[in-house]
Amino acid sequence: MHGHNLRRLGRTEEAIREFLKAEELENAYYRTEGIPPQYDWHHAHNLQLLGMSYQALGQMKAARGGVP
């Protein structure tokens, strides 16, 4: 949720770092528990916000899921 608040405050670069941390933690959890990520709506939501954050900074390749 911290990334969500940072986006609202215009602290987009910080929000990106938080969304990337969240993705790492979520992926580790899915691997450990054997859960496919597509079953967690919140994972998709965070990835969408990550992409929107990159887009807001004009980093379109990263917004599409490429390397920033």
Protein backbone atom coordinates (compact mmCIF):
# COMPACT_ATOMS: atom_id res chain seq x y z
CA MET A 1 0.00 0.00 0.00
CA HIS A 2 2.94 2.31 0.51
CA GLY A 3 3.55 2.50 -3.25
CA HIS A 4 -0.08 3.51 -3.77
CA ASN A 5 0.28 6.43 -1.38
CA LEU A 6 3.60 7.51 -2.87
CA ARG A 7 2.00 7.68 -6.33
CA ARG A 8 -0.76 9.90 -4.99
CA LEU A 9 1.83 12.21 -3.44
CA GLY A 10 3.69 12.52 -6.75
CA ARG A 11 6.69 10.58 -5.43
CA THR A 12 6.67 8.30 -8.45
CA GLU A 13 10.28 7.12 -8.36
CA GLU A 14 9.87 6.01 -4.75
CA ALA A 15 6.59 4.31 -5.65
CA ILE A 16 8.35 2.34 -8.39
CA ARG A 17 10.91 1.08 -5.90
CA GLU A 18 8.12 -0.02 -3.56
CA PHE A 19 6.20 -1.78 -6.33
CA LEU A 20 9.37 -3.60 -7.40
CA LYS A 21 9.98 -4.72 -3.80
CA ALA A 22 6.38 -5.91 -3.56
CA GLU A 23 6.78 -7.87 -6.79
CA GLU A 24 9.89 -9.61 -5.47
CA LEU A 25 8.14 -10.53 -2.22
CA GLU A 26 5.01 -11.72 -4.01
CA ASN A 27 6.98 -13.84 -6.47
CA ALA A 28 8.95 -15.44 -3.64
CA TYR A 29 5.69 -16.23 -1.84
CA TYR A 30 4.15 -17.77 -4.96
CA ARG A 31 7.23 -19.95 -5.55
CA THR A 32 7.36 -21.09 -1.92
CA GLU A 33 3.67 -21.89 -1.70
CA GLY A 34 3.28 -23.17 -5.27
CA ILE A 35 0.61 -20.60 -6.08
CA PRO A 36 0.25 -19.33 -9.67
CA PRO A 37 0.41 -15.49 -9.60
CA GLN A 38 -2.62 -15.17 -11.89
CA TYR A 39 -4.84 -16.32 -9.02
CA ASP A 40 -3.97 -13.24 -6.95
CA TRP A 41 -5.81 -10.18 -8.28
CA HIS A 42 -3.65 -7.92 -6.15
CA HIS A 43 -0.49 -9.02 -7.99
CA ALA A 44 -1.95 -7.86 -11.32
CA HIS A 45 -3.11 -4.63 -9.69
CA ASN A 46 0.38 -3.84 -8.39
CA LEU A 47 1.92 -4.59 -11.79
CA GLN A 48 -0.60 -2.26 -13.40
CA LEU A 49 0.32 0.53 -10.99
CA LEU A 50 4.01 -0.14 -11.59
CA GLY A 51 3.46 0.23 -15.33
CA MET A 52 1.46 3.41 -14.84
CA SER A 53 4.24 4.82 -12.67
CA TYR A 54 6.84 4.14 -15.35
CA GLN A 55 4.50 5.69 -17.91
CA ALA A 56 4.15 8.83 -15.78
CA LEU A 57 7.94 9.22 -15.94
CA GLY A 58 7.98 8.68 -19.69
CA GLN A 59 9.71 5.31 -19.38
CA MET A 60 7.53 3.57 -21.94
CA LYS A 61 9.72 0.49 -22.45
CA ALA A 62 9.66 -0.21 -18.72
CA ALA A 63 5.91 0.50 -18.64
CA ARG A 64 5.41 -2.29 -21.19
CA GLY A 65 7.35 -4.70 -19.01
CA GLY A 66 10.81 -4.19 -20.47
CA VAL A 67 13.98 -3.15 -18.74
CA PRO A 68 13.86 0.45 -17.48
